[in-house]
Full PDB file with SEQRES, HELIX, SHEET, SSBOND, CRYST1, ORIGX, SCALE, CONECT and MASTER records, all heavy atoms in Angstrom:
SEQRES   1 A   30  ASN VAL THR VAL LYS LYS LYS ALA CYS ALA ARG ARG SER          
SEQRES   2 A   30  LYS ASN GLY ARG THR TRP ARG GLY HIS GLY GLY ALA GLY          
SEQRES   3 A   30  PHE ALA SER LYS                                              
CRYST1    1.000    1.000    1.000  90.00  90.00  90.00 P 1           1          
ORIGX1      1.000000  0.000000  0.000000        0.00000                         
ORIGX2      0.000000  1.000000  0.000000        0.00000                         
ORIGX3      0.000000  0.000000  1.000000        0.00000                         
SCALE1      1.000000  0.000000  0.000000        0.00000                         
SCALE2      0.000000  1.000000  0.000000        0.00000                         
SCALE3      0.000000  0.000000  1.000000        0.00000                         
ATOM      1  N   ASN A   1     -34.526  14.956   2.740  1.00  0.00           N  
ATOM      2  CA  ASN A   1     -33.400  14.021   2.896  1.00  0.00           C  
ATOM      3  C   ASN A   1     -33.442  12.879   1.883  1.00  0.00           C  
ATOM      4  O   ASN A   1     -33.174  11.732   2.216  1.00  0.00           O  
ATOM      5  CB  ASN A   1     -33.344  13.465   4.317  1.00  0.00           C  
ATOM      6  CG  ASN A   1     -33.059  14.534   5.324  1.00  0.00           C  
ATOM      7  OD1 ASN A   1     -32.281  15.449   5.063  1.00  0.00           O  
ATOM      8  ND2 ASN A   1     -33.704  14.452   6.478  1.00  0.00           N  
ATOM      9  N   VAL A   2     -33.791  13.216   0.654  1.00  0.00           N  
ATOM     10  CA  VAL A   2     -33.779  12.229  -0.426  1.00  0.00           C  
ATOM     11  C   VAL A   2     -32.546  12.509  -1.269  1.00  0.00           C  
ATOM     12  O   VAL A   2     -32.368  13.614  -1.778  1.00  0.00           O  
ATOM     13  CB  VAL A   2     -35.048  12.340  -1.300  1.00  0.00           C  
ATOM     14  CG1 VAL A   2     -34.971  11.395  -2.483  1.00  0.00           C  
ATOM     15  CG2 VAL A   2     -36.277  12.050  -0.466  1.00  0.00           C  
ATOM     16  N   THR A   3     -31.693  11.513  -1.390  1.00  0.00           N  
ATOM     17  CA  THR A   3     -30.514  11.669  -2.230  1.00  0.00           C  
ATOM     18  C   THR A   3     -30.663  10.758  -3.429  1.00  0.00           C  
ATOM     19  O   THR A   3     -31.073   9.616  -3.305  1.00  0.00           O  
ATOM     20  CB  THR A   3     -29.224  11.305  -1.472  1.00  0.00           C  
ATOM     21  OG1 THR A   3     -29.327   9.963  -1.002  1.00  0.00           O  
ATOM     22  CG2 THR A   3     -29.006  12.234  -0.305  1.00  0.00           C  
ATOM     23  N   VAL A   4     -30.365  11.294  -4.579  1.00  0.00           N  
ATOM     24  CA  VAL A   4     -30.444  10.528  -5.811  1.00  0.00           C  
ATOM     25  C   VAL A   4     -29.032  10.435  -6.359  1.00  0.00           C  
ATOM     26  O   VAL A   4     -28.398  11.451  -6.615  1.00  0.00           O  
ATOM     27  CB  VAL A   4     -31.386  11.208  -6.823  1.00  0.00           C  
ATOM     28  CG1 VAL A   4     -31.459  10.397  -8.101  1.00  0.00           C  
ATOM     29  CG2 VAL A   4     -32.754  11.379  -6.226  1.00  0.00           C  
ATOM     30  N   LYS A   5     -28.558   9.238  -6.517  1.00  0.00           N  
ATOM     31  CA  LYS A   5     -27.214   9.028  -7.028  1.00  0.00           C  
ATOM     32  C   LYS A   5     -27.222   9.133  -8.542  1.00  0.00           C  
ATOM     33  O   LYS A   5     -28.158   8.687  -9.198  1.00  0.00           O  
ATOM     34  CB  LYS A   5     -26.675   7.663  -6.611  1.00  0.00           C  
ATOM     35  CG  LYS A   5     -26.630   7.463  -5.113  1.00  0.00           C  
ATOM     36  CD  LYS A   5     -25.682   8.442  -4.480  1.00  0.00           C  
ATOM     37  CE  LYS A   5     -25.624   8.231  -2.980  1.00  0.00           C  
ATOM     38  NZ  LYS A   5     -24.929   9.254  -2.295  1.00  0.00           N  
ATOM     39  N   LYS A   6     -26.162   9.692  -9.076  1.00  0.00           N  
ATOM     40  CA  LYS A   6     -26.054   9.798 -10.522  1.00  0.00           C  
ATOM     41  C   LYS A   6     -25.728   8.440 -11.109  1.00  0.00           C  
ATOM     42  O   LYS A   6     -25.167   7.573 -10.452  1.00  0.00           O  
ATOM     43  CB  LYS A   6     -24.954  10.785 -10.898  1.00  0.00           C  
ATOM     44  CG  LYS A   6     -25.292  12.199 -10.545  1.00  0.00           C  
ATOM     45  CD  LYS A   6     -24.215  13.117 -11.036  1.00  0.00           C  
ATOM     46  CE  LYS A   6     -24.579  14.548 -10.722  1.00  0.00           C  
ATOM     47  NZ  LYS A   6     -23.554  15.466 -11.168  1.00  0.00           N  
ATOM     48  N   LYS A   7     -26.057   8.282 -12.362  1.00  0.00           N  
ATOM     49  CA  LYS A   7     -25.727   7.044 -13.057  1.00  0.00           C  
ATOM     50  C   LYS A   7     -24.210   6.951 -13.184  1.00  0.00           C  
ATOM     51  O   LYS A   7     -23.514   7.960 -13.225  1.00  0.00           O  
ATOM     52  CB  LYS A   7     -26.361   7.028 -14.434  1.00  0.00           C  
ATOM     53  CG  LYS A   7     -27.867   7.029 -14.397  1.00  0.00           C  
ATOM     54  CD  LYS A   7     -28.433   7.105 -15.789  1.00  0.00           C  
ATOM     55  CE  LYS A   7     -29.928   7.245 -15.735  1.00  0.00           C  
ATOM     56  NZ  LYS A   7     -30.497   7.456 -17.046  1.00  0.00           N  
ATOM     57  N   ALA A   8     -23.705   5.744 -13.288  1.00  0.00           N  
ATOM     58  CA  ALA A   8     -22.262   5.549 -13.343  1.00  0.00           C  
ATOM     59  C   ALA A   8     -21.644   6.226 -14.558  1.00  0.00           C  
ATOM     60  O   ALA A   8     -20.539   6.726 -14.505  1.00  0.00           O  
ATOM     61  CB  ALA A   8     -21.935   4.061 -13.333  1.00  0.00           C  
ATOM     62  N   CYS A   9     -22.333   6.258 -15.677  1.00  0.00           N  
ATOM     63  CA  CYS A   9     -21.790   6.846 -16.902  1.00  0.00           C  
ATOM     64  C   CYS A   9     -22.463   8.171 -17.216  1.00  0.00           C  
ATOM     65  O   CYS A   9     -22.640   8.521 -18.377  1.00  0.00           O  
ATOM     66  CB  CYS A   9     -21.959   5.900 -18.079  1.00  0.00           C  
ATOM     67  SG  CYS A   9     -20.817   4.538 -18.033  1.00  0.00           S  
ATOM     68  N   ALA A  10     -22.845   8.904 -16.207  1.00  0.00           N  
ATOM     69  CA  ALA A  10     -23.577  10.141 -16.450  1.00  0.00           C  
ATOM     70  C   ALA A  10     -22.740  11.149 -17.228  1.00  0.00           C  
ATOM     71  O   ALA A  10     -23.251  11.907 -18.018  1.00  0.00           O  
ATOM     72  CB  ALA A  10     -24.030  10.742 -15.135  1.00  0.00           C  
ATOM     73  N   ARG A  11     -21.430  11.157 -17.007  1.00  0.00           N  
ATOM     74  CA  ARG A  11     -20.593  12.063 -17.794  1.00  0.00           C  
ATOM     75  C   ARG A  11     -19.245  11.401 -18.030  1.00  0.00           C  
ATOM     76  O   ARG A  11     -18.825  10.507 -17.312  1.00  0.00           O  
ATOM     77  CB  ARG A  11     -20.441  13.398 -17.099  1.00  0.00           C  
ATOM     78  CG  ARG A  11     -19.655  13.346 -15.851  1.00  0.00           C  
ATOM     79  CD  ARG A  11     -19.657  14.670 -15.147  1.00  0.00           C  
ATOM     80  NE  ARG A  11     -19.121  14.360 -13.837  1.00  0.00           N  
ATOM     81  CZ  ARG A  11     -18.314  15.113 -13.169  1.00  0.00           C  
ATOM     82  NH1 ARG A  11     -17.985  16.273 -13.633  1.00  0.00           N  
ATOM     83  NH2 ARG A  11     -17.852  14.744 -12.022  1.00  0.00           N  
ATOM     84  N   ARG A  12     -18.560  11.902 -19.005  1.00  0.00           N  
ATOM     85  CA  ARG A  12     -17.272  11.326 -19.347  1.00  0.00           C  
ATOM     86  C   ARG A  12     -16.214  11.738 -18.341  1.00  0.00           C  
ATOM     87  O   ARG A  12     -16.298  12.796 -17.747  1.00  0.00           O  
ATOM     88  CB  ARG A  12     -16.866  11.787 -20.735  1.00  0.00           C  
ATOM     89  CG  ARG A  12     -17.743  11.245 -21.804  1.00  0.00           C  
ATOM     90  CD  ARG A  12     -17.280  11.747 -23.134  1.00  0.00           C  
ATOM     91  NE  ARG A  12     -17.913  10.936 -24.145  1.00  0.00           N  
ATOM     92  CZ  ARG A  12     -17.268  10.349 -25.107  1.00  0.00           C  
ATOM     93  NH1 ARG A  12     -15.977  10.478 -25.217  1.00  0.00           N  
ATOM     94  NH2 ARG A  12     -17.912   9.623 -25.980  1.00  0.00           N  
ATOM     95  N   SER A  13     -15.237  10.907 -18.216  1.00  0.00           N  
ATOM     96  CA  SER A  13     -14.115  11.213 -17.351  1.00  0.00           C  
ATOM     97  C   SER A  13     -13.316  12.367 -17.943  1.00  0.00           C  
ATOM     98  O   SER A  13     -13.066  12.407 -19.142  1.00  0.00           O  
ATOM     99  CB  SER A  13     -13.220   9.981 -17.205  1.00  0.00           C  
ATOM    100  OG  SER A  13     -12.036  10.330 -16.520  1.00  0.00           O  
ATOM    101  N   LYS A  14     -12.914  13.292 -17.108  1.00  0.00           N  
ATOM    102  CA  LYS A  14     -12.097  14.403 -17.591  1.00  0.00           C  
ATOM    103  C   LYS A  14     -10.652  13.960 -17.806  1.00  0.00           C  
ATOM    104  O   LYS A  14      -9.911  14.595 -18.536  1.00  0.00           O  
ATOM    105  CB  LYS A  14     -12.124  15.550 -16.587  1.00  0.00           C  
ATOM    106  CG  LYS A  14     -13.460  16.215 -16.484  1.00  0.00           C  
ATOM    107  CD  LYS A  14     -13.409  17.339 -15.476  1.00  0.00           C  
ATOM    108  CE  LYS A  14     -14.761  17.992 -15.341  1.00  0.00           C  
ATOM    109  NZ  LYS A  14     -14.768  19.056 -14.359  1.00  0.00           N  
ATOM    110  N   ASN A  15     -10.273  12.888 -17.135  1.00  0.00           N  
ATOM    111  CA  ASN A  15      -8.865  12.481 -17.159  1.00  0.00           C  
ATOM    112  C   ASN A  15      -8.544  11.434 -18.216  1.00  0.00           C  
ATOM    113  O   ASN A  15      -7.400  11.306 -18.629  1.00  0.00           O  
ATOM    114  CB  ASN A  15      -8.468  11.924 -15.790  1.00  0.00           C  
ATOM    115  CG  ASN A  15      -8.621  12.960 -14.725  1.00  0.00           C  
ATOM    116  OD1 ASN A  15      -8.556  14.139 -15.004  1.00  0.00           O  
ATOM    117  ND2 ASN A  15      -8.860  12.531 -13.505  1.00  0.00           N  
ATOM    118  N   GLY A  16      -9.502  10.655 -18.611  1.00  0.00           N  
ATOM    119  CA  GLY A  16      -9.149   9.598 -19.553  1.00  0.00           C  
ATOM    120  C   GLY A  16     -10.364   8.992 -20.212  1.00  0.00           C  
ATOM    121  O   GLY A  16     -11.496   9.309 -19.891  1.00  0.00           O  
ATOM    122  N   ARG A  17     -10.106   8.094 -21.160  1.00  0.00           N  
ATOM    123  CA  ARG A  17     -11.193   7.423 -21.874  1.00  0.00           C  
ATOM    124  C   ARG A  17     -11.907   6.470 -20.930  1.00  0.00           C  
ATOM    125  O   ARG A  17     -11.317   5.920 -20.012  1.00  0.00           O  
ATOM    126  CB  ARG A  17     -10.623   6.621 -23.036  1.00  0.00           C  
ATOM    127  CG  ARG A  17      -9.859   7.431 -24.028  1.00  0.00           C  
ATOM    128  CD  ARG A  17      -9.332   6.534 -25.106  1.00  0.00           C  
ATOM    129  NE  ARG A  17      -8.601   5.402 -24.517  1.00  0.00           N  
ATOM    130  CZ  ARG A  17      -7.610   4.777 -25.108  1.00  0.00           C  
ATOM    131  NH1 ARG A  17      -7.231   5.149 -26.300  1.00  0.00           N  
ATOM    132  NH2 ARG A  17      -6.999   3.776 -24.536  1.00  0.00           N  
ATOM    133  N   THR A  18     -13.148   6.279 -21.203  1.00  0.00           N  
ATOM    134  CA  THR A  18     -13.895   5.272 -20.452  1.00  0.00           C  
ATOM    135  C   THR A  18     -14.544   4.331 -21.445  1.00  0.00           C  
ATOM    136  O   THR A  18     -14.767   4.676 -22.597  1.00  0.00           O  
ATOM    137  CB  THR A  18     -15.002   5.908 -19.579  1.00  0.00           C  
ATOM    138  OG1 THR A  18     -15.866   6.657 -20.416  1.00  0.00           O  
ATOM    139  CG2 THR A  18     -14.407   6.797 -18.512  1.00  0.00           C  
ATOM    140  N   TRP A  19     -14.841   3.150 -21.019  1.00  0.00           N  
ATOM    141  CA  TRP A  19     -15.533   2.192 -21.850  1.00  0.00           C  
ATOM    142  C   TRP A  19     -16.570   1.509 -20.995  1.00  0.00           C  
ATOM    143  O   TRP A  19     -16.440   1.403 -19.794  1.00  0.00           O  
ATOM    144  CB  TRP A  19     -14.575   1.192 -22.486  1.00  0.00           C  
ATOM    145  CG  TRP A  19     -13.760   0.402 -21.530  1.00  0.00           C  
ATOM    146  CD1 TRP A  19     -12.640   0.795 -20.890  1.00  0.00           C  
ATOM    147  CD2 TRP A  19     -14.018  -0.929 -21.087  1.00  0.00           C  
ATOM    148  NE1 TRP A  19     -12.162  -0.189 -20.077  1.00  0.00           N  
ATOM    149  CE2 TRP A  19     -12.997  -1.266 -20.175  1.00  0.00           C  
ATOM    150  CE3 TRP A  19     -14.998  -1.857 -21.352  1.00  0.00           C  
ATOM    151  CZ2 TRP A  19     -12.950  -2.484 -19.526  1.00  0.00           C  
ATOM    152  CZ3 TRP A  19     -14.937  -3.079 -20.720  1.00  0.00           C  
ATOM    153  CH2 TRP A  19     -13.917  -3.383 -19.823  1.00  0.00           C  
ATOM    154  N   ARG A  20     -17.604   1.054 -21.641  1.00  0.00           N  
ATOM    155  CA  ARG A  20     -18.669   0.386 -20.912  1.00  0.00           C  
ATOM    156  C   ARG A  20     -18.330  -1.092 -20.782  1.00  0.00           C  
ATOM    157  O   ARG A  20     -18.151  -1.782 -21.770  1.00  0.00           O  
ATOM    158  CB  ARG A  20     -20.002   0.523 -21.637  1.00  0.00           C  
ATOM    159  CG  ARG A  20     -20.582   1.896 -21.546  1.00  0.00           C  
ATOM    160  CD  ARG A  20     -21.969   1.883 -22.171  1.00  0.00           C  
ATOM    161  NE  ARG A  20     -22.587   3.171 -22.070  1.00  0.00           N  
ATOM    162  CZ  ARG A  20     -23.392   3.544 -21.097  1.00  0.00           C  
ATOM    163  NH1 ARG A  20     -23.668   2.709 -20.127  1.00  0.00           N  
ATOM    164  NH2 ARG A  20     -23.919   4.735 -21.078  1.00  0.00           N  
ATOM    165  N   GLY A  21     -18.279  -1.538 -19.565  1.00  0.00           N  
ATOM    166  CA  GLY A  21     -18.101  -2.955 -19.321  1.00  0.00           C  
ATOM    167  C   GLY A  21     -19.428  -3.519 -18.839  1.00  0.00           C  
ATOM    168  O   GLY A  21     -20.254  -2.803 -18.312  1.00  0.00           O  
ATOM    169  N   HIS A  22     -19.655  -4.753 -19.019  1.00  0.00           N  
ATOM    170  CA  HIS A  22     -20.901  -5.351 -18.576  1.00  0.00           C  
ATOM    171  C   HIS A  22     -20.771  -5.715 -17.112  1.00  0.00           C  
ATOM    172  O   HIS A  22     -19.747  -6.213 -16.659  1.00  0.00           O  
ATOM    173  CB  HIS A  22     -21.216  -6.606 -19.401  1.00  0.00           C  
ATOM    174  CG  HIS A  22     -21.470  -6.288 -20.841  1.00  0.00           C  
ATOM    175  ND1 HIS A  22     -22.641  -5.711 -21.266  1.00  0.00           N  
ATOM    176  CD2 HIS A  22     -20.692  -6.433 -21.939  1.00  0.00           C  
ATOM    177  CE1 HIS A  22     -22.577  -5.529 -22.569  1.00  0.00           C  
ATOM    178  NE2 HIS A  22     -21.401  -5.960 -23.001  1.00  0.00           N  
ATOM    179  N   GLY A  23     -21.835  -5.467 -16.374  1.00  0.00           N  
ATOM    180  CA  GLY A  23     -21.842  -5.851 -14.971  1.00  0.00           C  
ATOM    181  C   GLY A  23     -21.884  -7.361 -14.856  1.00  0.00           C  
ATOM    182  O   GLY A  23     -22.202  -8.073 -15.807  1.00  0.00           O  
ATOM    183  N   GLY A  24     -21.582  -7.848 -13.702  1.00  0.00           N  
ATOM    184  CA  GLY A  24     -21.586  -9.288 -13.477  1.00  0.00           C  
ATOM    185  C   GLY A  24     -22.999  -9.841 -13.470  1.00  0.00           C  
ATOM    186  O   GLY A  24     -23.969  -9.146 -13.755  1.00  0.00           O  
ATOM    187  N   ALA A  25     -23.133 -11.104 -13.117  1.00  0.00           N  
ATOM    188  CA  ALA A  25     -24.438 -11.741 -13.090  1.00  0.00           C  
ATOM    189  C   ALA A  25     -25.342 -11.017 -12.097  1.00  0.00           C  
ATOM    190  O   ALA A  25     -24.935 -10.670 -10.995  1.00  0.00           O  
ATOM    191  CB  ALA A  25     -24.282 -13.206 -12.691  1.00  0.00           C  
ATOM    192  N   GLY A  26     -26.563 -10.791 -12.514  1.00  0.00           N  
ATOM    193  CA  GLY A  26     -27.524 -10.130 -11.637  1.00  0.00           C  
ATOM    194  C   GLY A  26     -27.537  -8.622 -11.778  1.00  0.00           C  
ATOM    195  O   GLY A  26     -28.349  -7.956 -11.173  1.00  0.00           O  
ATOM    196  N   PHE A  27     -26.637  -8.036 -12.565  1.00  0.00           N  
ATOM    197  CA  PHE A  27     -26.604  -6.591 -12.752  1.00  0.00           C  
ATOM    198  C   PHE A  27     -27.339  -6.240 -14.035  1.00  0.00           C  
ATOM    199  O   PHE A  27     -26.945  -6.671 -15.112  1.00  0.00           O  
ATOM    200  CB  PHE A  27     -25.160  -6.079 -12.837  1.00  0.00           C  
ATOM    201  CG  PHE A  27     -24.454  -6.129 -11.522  1.00  0.00           C  
ATOM    202  CD1 PHE A  27     -23.637  -7.195 -11.196  1.00  0.00           C  
ATOM    203  CD2 PHE A  27     -24.611  -5.104 -10.611  1.00  0.00           C  
ATOM    204  CE1 PHE A  27     -22.982  -7.248  -9.995  1.00  0.00           C  
ATOM    205  CE2 PHE A  27     -23.953  -5.146  -9.400  1.00  0.00           C  
ATOM    206  CZ  PHE A  27     -23.141  -6.209  -9.090  1.00  0.00           C  
ATOM    207  N   ALA A  28     -28.374  -5.427 -13.902  1.00  0.00           N  
ATOM    208  CA  ALA A  28     -29.113  -5.020 -15.088  1.00  0.00           C  
ATOM    209  C   ALA A  28     -28.446  -3.827 -15.755  1.00  0.00           C  
ATOM    210  O   ALA A  28     -28.595  -3.605 -16.936  1.00  0.00           O  
ATOM    211  CB  ALA A  28     -30.547  -4.678 -14.711  1.00  0.00           C  
ATOM    212  N   SER A  29     -27.726  -3.035 -14.968  1.00  0.00           N  
ATOM    213  CA  SER A  29     -27.110  -1.844 -15.544  1.00  0.00           C  
ATOM    214  C   SER A  29     -25.676  -2.128 -15.951  1.00  0.00           C  
ATOM    215  O   SER A  29     -25.073  -3.106 -15.534  1.00  0.00           O  
ATOM    216  CB  SER A  29     -27.123  -0.713 -14.522  1.00  0.00           C  
ATOM    217  OG  SER A  29     -26.322  -1.057 -13.430  1.00  0.00           O  
ATOM    218  N   LYS A  30     -25.151  -1.250 -16.774  1.00  0.00           N  
ATOM    219  CA  LYS A  30     -23.761  -1.383 -17.186  1.00  0.00           C  
ATOM    220  C   LYS A  30     -22.912  -0.478 -16.310  1.00  0.00           C  
ATOM    221  O   LYS A  30     -23.374   0.521 -15.789  1.00  0.00           O  
ATOM    222  CB  LYS A  30     -23.619  -0.999 -18.646  1.00  0.00           C  
ATOM    223  CG  LYS A  30     -24.371  -1.945 -19.553  1.00  0.00           C  
ATOM    224  CD  LYS A  30     -24.134  -1.609 -20.987  1.00  0.00           C  
ATOM    225  CE  LYS A  30     -24.811  -2.625 -21.866  1.00  0.00           C  
ATOM    226  NZ  LYS A  30     -24.543  -2.393 -23.258  1.00  0.00           N  
TER     227      LYS A  30                                                      
MASTER        0    0    0    0    0    0    0    6  226    1    0    3          
END                                                                             
């Protein structure tokens, strides 16, 4: 019962362009 979530940018969107935005204060990941 261990679930591992994928990274937010693990793959490109099939429907449209994506861009990396910076997370707010306290977020180490994008």
